[in-house]
Amino acid sequence: MSQAFDIVSRITERSGQLRLAEQKVAEAILEDLSTAASASIGELAQKAGVSIASVTRFAKAMGCRDVREFKFMLAQAVAVGQRFFDGVKTIPSGQPPELVDVVYNDIRAVLEVNHALIQPEIFQRAAVLLRDARMIYCFGMGGGSTMMSDEARHRMARLGRPAATYHDALLQRMVAATLDKNDVLLVFSTTGNVPELLANCEVAKEYGVQLVAITALGSPLAGMADVLLPIKTLETDFIFKPSSSRYAMMMALDMLMLELALSQKERSQELLRRLKYVLDTHRGGNDRQPLGD
């Protein structure tokens, strides 16, 4: 098998440089990727109106050894999801206010689904681990998970808990090798299936580190966690809208920070009072301004 590449992008980029017969093959394939991936070489040739030899030449022009390898790569591309090929068809009609409703309704839906997953006693267990840890290390890779790991560090600073955030895969691995049973690893991943992140968590686990994971139920990361705070993502066919999955992680994080604050009520109250005093003397404002936002 040749080195993996994005076959759909390659077809699009190279189709204009091909012979006419091979251009017809490209057009026939891009018209219906799913059908092309499952069609025989003869069916592809018939649909494009060319010879079988033209289909073979086309596959090689795309960098594949033969049609079989080409179809395998095409099937992989289709498996990504038809919604990414039909994205324009999913755009809701109407004015911007209706698009606002689409975004709002998706956020509300993911919050409702994840509200049902919350088990207070599990969050309390996780909070106790964070409260008693010598140091808390927050790992996240990718968009929403990276943001949430930083947010966790910011929230724990308000509660007087020592925390550090790492997103780079190699740095995570190096840090994981320095931890021990007095530390806690707080990990964020919407899929729970990022190879580098999983490998780095395995290193930390080898040294007895307690792992708290906010991740997908049933994922590899979930299976590694000492305490699992499960989330469920709801991705729609409207691919142009930012993923609502980060709201699921944010709700779980907010619940965790609330339980952490309550697990050390008197200390939390004093620290939050200090924060409010210092911020108000610095910036002024009314009594209801957020702490540090």
Protein backbone atom coordinates (compact mmCIF):
# COMPACT_ATOMS: atom_id res chain seq x y z
CA MET A 1 0.00 0.00 0.00
CA SER A 2 1.29 3.47 -0.90
CA GLN A 3 1.65 6.14 1.75
CA ALA A 4 -1.78 7.49 2.71
CA PHE A 5 -2.95 10.77 1.21
CA ASP A 6 -6.23 12.61 0.64
CA ILE A 7 -7.45 10.97 -2.56
CA VAL A 8 -10.38 13.36 -3.05
CA SER A 9 -8.14 16.43 -2.95
CA ARG A 10 -5.69 14.76 -5.32
CA ILE A 11 -8.43 13.99 -7.85
CA THR A 12 -9.61 17.59 -7.70
CA GLU A 13 -6.12 19.03 -8.08
CA ARG A 14 -4.89 16.75 -10.88
CA SER A 15 -8.02 16.23 -12.95
CA GLY A 16 -7.35 19.26 -15.16
CA GLN A 17 -3.91 17.92 -16.11
CA LEU A 18 -5.17 14.54 -17.34
CA ARG A 19 -6.15 13.23 -20.74
CA LEU A 20 -9.76 13.76 -21.73
CA ALA A 21 -10.76 10.15 -21.04
CA GLU A 22 -9.20 10.27 -17.58
CA GLN A 23 -10.88 13.60 -16.87
CA LYS A 24 -14.19 11.86 -17.57
CA VAL A 25 -13.29 9.24 -14.97
CA ALA A 26 -12.53 11.98 -12.43
CA GLU A 27 -15.86 13.70 -13.13
CA ALA A 28 -17.78 10.44 -12.77
CA ILE A 29 -16.09 9.68 -9.44
CA LEU A 30 -16.52 13.16 -7.93
CA GLU A 31 -20.18 13.16 -8.96
CA ASP A 32 -20.92 10.27 -6.58
CA LEU A 33 -18.04 9.16 -4.37
CA SER A 34 -19.97 6.48 -2.51
CA THR A 35 -21.11 4.73 -5.70
CA ALA A 36 -17.65 4.99 -7.24
CA ALA A 37 -16.05 3.41 -4.17
CA SER A 38 -18.27 0.34 -4.44
CA ALA A 39 -18.41 0.05 -8.25
CA SER A 40 -16.37 -2.43 -10.26
CA ILE A 41 -13.77 -1.23 -12.74
CA GLY A 42 -16.17 -2.07 -15.56
CA GLU A 43 -19.00 -0.10 -13.96
CA LEU A 44 -16.71 2.92 -13.47
CA ALA A 45 -15.66 2.74 -17.12
CA GLN A 46 -19.27 2.49 -18.27
CA LYS A 47 -20.41 5.41 -16.11
CA ALA A 48 -17.58 7.61 -17.40
CA GLY A 49 -18.03 6.45 -20.99
CA VAL A 50 -14.42 5.32 -21.34
CA SER A 51 -12.44 2.10 -21.60
CA ILE A 52 -11.33 -0.03 -18.67
CA ALA A 53 -7.75 0.85 -19.58
CA SER A 54 -8.56 4.54 -19.03
CA VAL A 55 -9.78 3.78 -15.50
CA THR A 56 -6.53 1.91 -14.81
CA ARG A 57 -4.43 4.78 -16.15
CA PHE A 58 -6.44 7.20 -14.04
CA ALA A 59 -5.77 5.21 -10.85
CA LYS A 60 -2.04 5.23 -11.53
CA ALA A 61 -2.12 8.94 -12.35
CA MET A 62 -3.52 9.47 -8.85
CA GLY A 63 -0.47 7.76 -7.34
CA CYS A 64 -2.01 4.33 -6.73
CA ARG A 65 -0.52 1.00 -7.81
CA ASP A 66 -3.79 -0.19 -9.32
CA VAL A 67 -7.56 0.32 -9.31
CA ARG A 68 -7.96 -1.87 -6.23
CA GLU A 69 -5.72 0.38 -4.15
CA PHE A 70 -7.44 3.46 -5.57
CA LYS A 71 -10.88 2.15 -4.58
CA PHE A 72 -9.62 1.30 -1.10
CA MET A 73 -8.43 4.87 -0.59
CA LEU A 74 -11.66 6.23 -2.03
CA ALA A 75 -13.65 4.10 0.43
CA GLN A 76 -11.56 5.52 3.28
CA ALA A 77 -12.37 9.04 2.12
CA VAL A 78 -16.08 8.28 1.91
CA ALA A 79 -15.99 6.80 5.43
CA VAL A 80 -15.08 10.25 6.78
CA GLY A 81 -18.72 11.14 6.28
CA GLN A 82 -20.94 12.05 3.38
CA ARG A 83 -21.96 15.20 5.23
CA PHE A 84 -18.56 16.71 4.38
CA PHE A 85 -19.22 16.18 0.67
CA ASP A 86 -22.81 17.42 0.78
CA GLY A 87 -22.20 20.30 3.21
CA VAL A 88 -23.68 23.05 1.05
CA LYS A 89 -26.99 21.18 0.88
CA THR A 90 -27.34 21.37 4.69
CA ILE A 91 -27.22 25.17 4.96
CA PRO A 92 -30.55 26.30 6.48
CA SER A 93 -32.48 28.75 4.36
CA GLY A 94 -33.56 32.09 5.77
CA GLN A 95 -32.08 35.10 7.47
CA PRO A 96 -29.33 35.27 10.13
CA PRO A 97 -31.81 35.11 13.06
CA GLU A 98 -32.71 31.59 11.93
CA LEU A 99 -29.03 30.63 11.91
CA VAL A 100 -28.80 31.92 15.46
CA ASP A 101 -31.60 29.53 16.36
CA VAL A 102 -29.70 26.65 14.74
CA VAL A 103 -26.61 27.37 16.85
CA TYR A 104 -28.63 27.89 20.03
CA ASN A 105 -30.72 24.75 19.57
CA ASP A 106 -27.64 22.59 19.00
CA ILE A 107 -26.03 23.95 22.17
CA ARG A 108 -29.20 23.32 24.15
CA ALA A 109 -29.50 19.79 22.77
CA VAL A 110 -25.96 18.80 23.69
CA LEU A 111 -26.38 20.25 27.19
CA GLU A 112 -29.60 18.32 27.74
CA VAL A 113 -28.03 15.03 26.64
CA ASN A 114 -24.98 15.54 28.83
CA HIS A 115 -27.03 16.70 31.81
CA ALA A 116 -28.44 13.18 31.93
CA LEU A 117 -24.90 11.75 32.21
CA ILE A 118 -23.96 13.71 35.31
CA GLN A 119 -23.57 11.63 38.47
CA PRO A 120 -22.78 13.98 41.41
CA GLU A 121 -20.97 11.31 43.42
CA ILE A 122 -18.48 10.76 40.57
CA PHE A 123 -17.76 14.48 40.35
CA GLN A 124 -17.26 14.52 44.12
CA ARG A 125 -14.67 11.73 43.83
CA ALA A 126 -12.83 13.63 41.13
CA ALA A 127 -12.95 16.85 43.17
CA VAL A 128 -11.37 15.15 46.19
CA LEU A 129 -8.51 13.92 44.02
CA LEU A 130 -7.89 17.46 42.76
CA ARG A 131 -8.15 18.92 46.26
CA ASP A 132 -5.60 16.53 47.72
CA ALA A 133 -3.15 16.46 44.82
CA ARG A 134 0.37 17.81 45.18
CA MET A 135 0.11 19.10 41.60
CA ILE A 136 -2.54 18.89 38.87
CA TYR A 137 -1.50 18.53 35.25
CA CYS A 138 -4.08 19.34 32.58
CA PHE A 139 -3.64 17.65 29.18
CA GLY A 140 -5.60 18.45 26.04
CA MET A 141 -4.85 18.23 22.33
CA GLY A 142 -6.81 19.76 19.50
CA GLY A 143 -9.23 22.70 19.51
CA GLY A 144 -11.86 22.37 22.22
CA SER A 145 -9.79 20.07 24.42
CA THR A 146 -6.85 22.47 24.41
CA MET A 147 -9.13 25.35 25.35
CA MET A 148 -10.76 23.37 28.15
CA SER A 149 -7.45 22.30 29.66
CA ASP A 150 -6.39 25.95 29.86
CA GLU A 151 -9.78 26.87 31.31
CA ALA A 152 -9.34 24.20 33.99
CA ARG A 153 -6.01 25.72 35.02
CA HIS A 154 -7.58 29.19 35.21
CA ARG A 155 -10.48 27.92 37.32
CA MET A 156 -8.26 26.03 39.73
CA ALA A 157 -6.09 29.11 40.25
CA ARG A 158 -9.15 30.80 41.78
CA LEU A 159 -9.42 27.94 44.25
CA GLY A 160 -5.76 27.89 45.20
CA ARG A 161 -4.93 24.61 43.48
CA PRO A 162 -1.55 24.31 41.73
CA ALA A 163 -2.09 23.40 38.09
CA ALA A 164 -0.14 23.39 34.83
CA THR A 165 -1.30 22.84 31.24
CA TYR A 166 0.48 21.02 28.44
CA HIS A 167 -0.72 20.60 24.84
CA ASP A 168 2.41 19.58 22.93
CA ALA A 169 2.66 15.80 22.57
CA LEU A 170 6.37 15.56 23.35
CA LEU A 171 6.16 17.92 26.32
CA GLN A 172 3.24 15.90 27.67
CA ARG A 173 5.31 12.76 27.43
CA MET A 174 8.26 14.38 29.19
CA VAL A 175 6.04 15.75 31.96
CA ALA A 176 4.27 12.40 32.37
CA ALA A 177 7.63 10.77 33.08
CA THR A 178 8.23 13.13 36.03
CA LEU A 179 4.94 12.51 37.86
CA ASP A 180 4.15 10.22 40.78
CA LYS A 181 1.23 9.04 42.90
CA ASN A 182 0.91 12.42 44.63
CA ASP A 183 -0.04 14.11 41.35
CA VAL A 184 -3.28 14.04 39.39
CA LEU A 185 -3.68 14.14 35.63
CA LEU A 186 -6.83 15.90 34.36
CA VAL A 187 -7.33 15.04 30.68
CA PHE A 188 -9.77 16.44 28.12
CA SER A 189 -10.68 14.73 24.85
CA THR A 190 -14.00 14.74 23.01
CA THR A 191 -13.18 11.47 21.24
CA GLY A 192 -10.87 9.84 23.79
CA ASN A 193 -8.99 8.32 20.89
CA VAL A 194 -5.98 10.57 20.17
CA PRO A 195 -2.95 8.22 19.87
CA GLU A 196 -0.35 10.64 21.25
CA LEU A 197 -2.53 11.63 24.19
CA LEU A 198 -3.28 8.01 25.05
CA ALA A 199 0.40 7.10 24.94
CA ASN A 200 1.29 9.98 27.24
CA CYS A 201 -1.41 9.01 29.71
CA GLU A 202 -0.06 5.47 29.74
CA VAL A 203 3.35 6.81 30.75
CA ALA A 204 1.81 8.73 33.66
CA LYS A 205 -0.21 5.69 34.74
CA GLU A 206 2.97 3.62 34.92
CA TYR A 207 4.16 5.91 37.70
CA GLY A 208 0.97 5.60 39.74
CA VAL A 209 -0.66 8.88 38.71
CA GLN A 210 -4.41 9.16 39.24
CA LEU A 211 -6.17 10.00 35.96
CA VAL A 212 -9.39 12.03 35.79
CA ALA A 213 -10.79 12.13 32.27
CA ILE A 214 -13.51 14.25 30.71
CA THR A 215 -14.08 12.25 27.57
CA ALA A 216 -16.39 10.07 25.50
CA LEU A 217 -18.00 7.14 27.27
CA GLY A 218 -16.58 3.84 26.00
CA SER A 219 -13.47 5.41 24.48
CA PRO A 220 -9.89 4.15 25.04
CA LEU A 221 -9.19 7.14 27.30
CA ALA A 222 -12.32 6.40 29.31
CA GLY A 223 -11.02 2.89 29.88
CA MET A 224 -7.77 4.25 31.32
CA ALA A 225 -9.39 6.72 33.71
CA ASP A 226 -9.46 6.24 37.47
CA VAL A 227 -12.39 8.63 37.53
CA LEU A 228 -14.42 9.12 34.35
CA LEU A 229 -16.59 12.19 33.78
CA PRO A 230 -18.33 11.06 30.59
CA ILE A 231 -19.52 13.31 27.79
CA LYS A 232 -21.48 12.68 24.61
CA THR A 233 -21.04 14.73 21.46
CA LEU A 234 -23.86 15.50 19.01
CA GLU A 235 -22.54 16.42 15.59
CA THR A 236 -25.10 17.44 12.97
CA ASP A 237 -24.94 17.48 9.17
CA PHE A 238 -24.49 21.28 9.25
CA ILE A 239 -20.69 21.16 9.04
CA PHE A 240 -20.13 24.92 8.82
CA LYS A 241 -21.19 25.53 12.42
CA PRO A 242 -18.55 25.18 15.16
CA SER A 243 -18.88 21.95 17.08
CA SER A 244 -21.17 22.08 20.10
CA SER A 245 -19.13 19.34 21.81
CA ARG A 246 -17.06 21.90 23.70
CA TYR A 247 -20.18 22.90 25.63
CA ALA A 248 -20.43 19.34 26.93
CA MET A 249 -16.86 19.55 28.21
CA MET A 250 -17.47 23.02 29.65
CA MET A 251 -20.50 21.86 31.62
CA ALA A 252 -18.53 18.90 33.00
CA LEU A 253 -15.65 21.19 33.93
CA ASP A 254 -17.95 23.70 35.64
CA MET A 255 -19.53 20.90 37.66
CA LEU A 256 -16.09 19.61 38.63
CA MET A 257 -14.92 23.05 39.74
CA LEU A 258 -18.10 23.56 41.76
CA GLU A 259 -17.54 20.27 43.57
CA LEU A 260 -13.90 21.22 44.15
CA ALA A 261 -14.93 24.54 45.67
CA LEU A 262 -17.49 22.84 47.91
CA SER A 263 -15.00 20.18 49.03
CA GLN A 264 -12.97 22.97 50.70
CA LYS A 265 -15.76 25.44 51.50
CA GLU A 266 -14.01 27.69 54.01
CA ARG A 267 -10.78 27.91 52.02
CA SER A 268 -12.68 28.55 48.77
CA GLN A 269 -14.76 31.27 50.38
CA GLU A 270 -11.71 33.09 51.68
CA LEU A 271 -9.82 32.84 48.40
CA LEU A 272 -12.79 34.07 46.39
CA ARG A 273 -13.26 36.96 48.84
CA ARG A 274 -9.62 37.96 48.37
CA LEU A 275 -9.99 37.82 44.61
CA LYS A 276 -13.06 40.02 44.69
CA TYR A 277 -11.39 42.53 47.01
CA VAL A 278 -8.21 42.78 44.91
CA LEU A 279 -10.09 43.05 41.62
CA ASP A 280 -12.58 45.64 42.84
CA THR A 281 -9.85 47.86 44.26
CA HIS A 282 -8.05 47.57 40.92
CA ARG A 283 -10.89 48.05 38.43
CA GLY A 284 -13.87 49.30 40.42
CA GLY A 285 -17.36 48.22 39.38
CA ASN A 286 -20.40 46.70 40.99
CA ASP A 287 -20.69 43.70 43.25
CA ARG A 288 -21.82 41.32 40.47
CA GLN A 289 -18.84 41.49 38.14
CA PRO A 290 -17.21 38.10 37.35
CA LEU A 291 -14.04 37.14 39.16
CA GLY A 292 -11.26 37.89 36.72
CA ASP A 293 -13.20 37.80 33.42
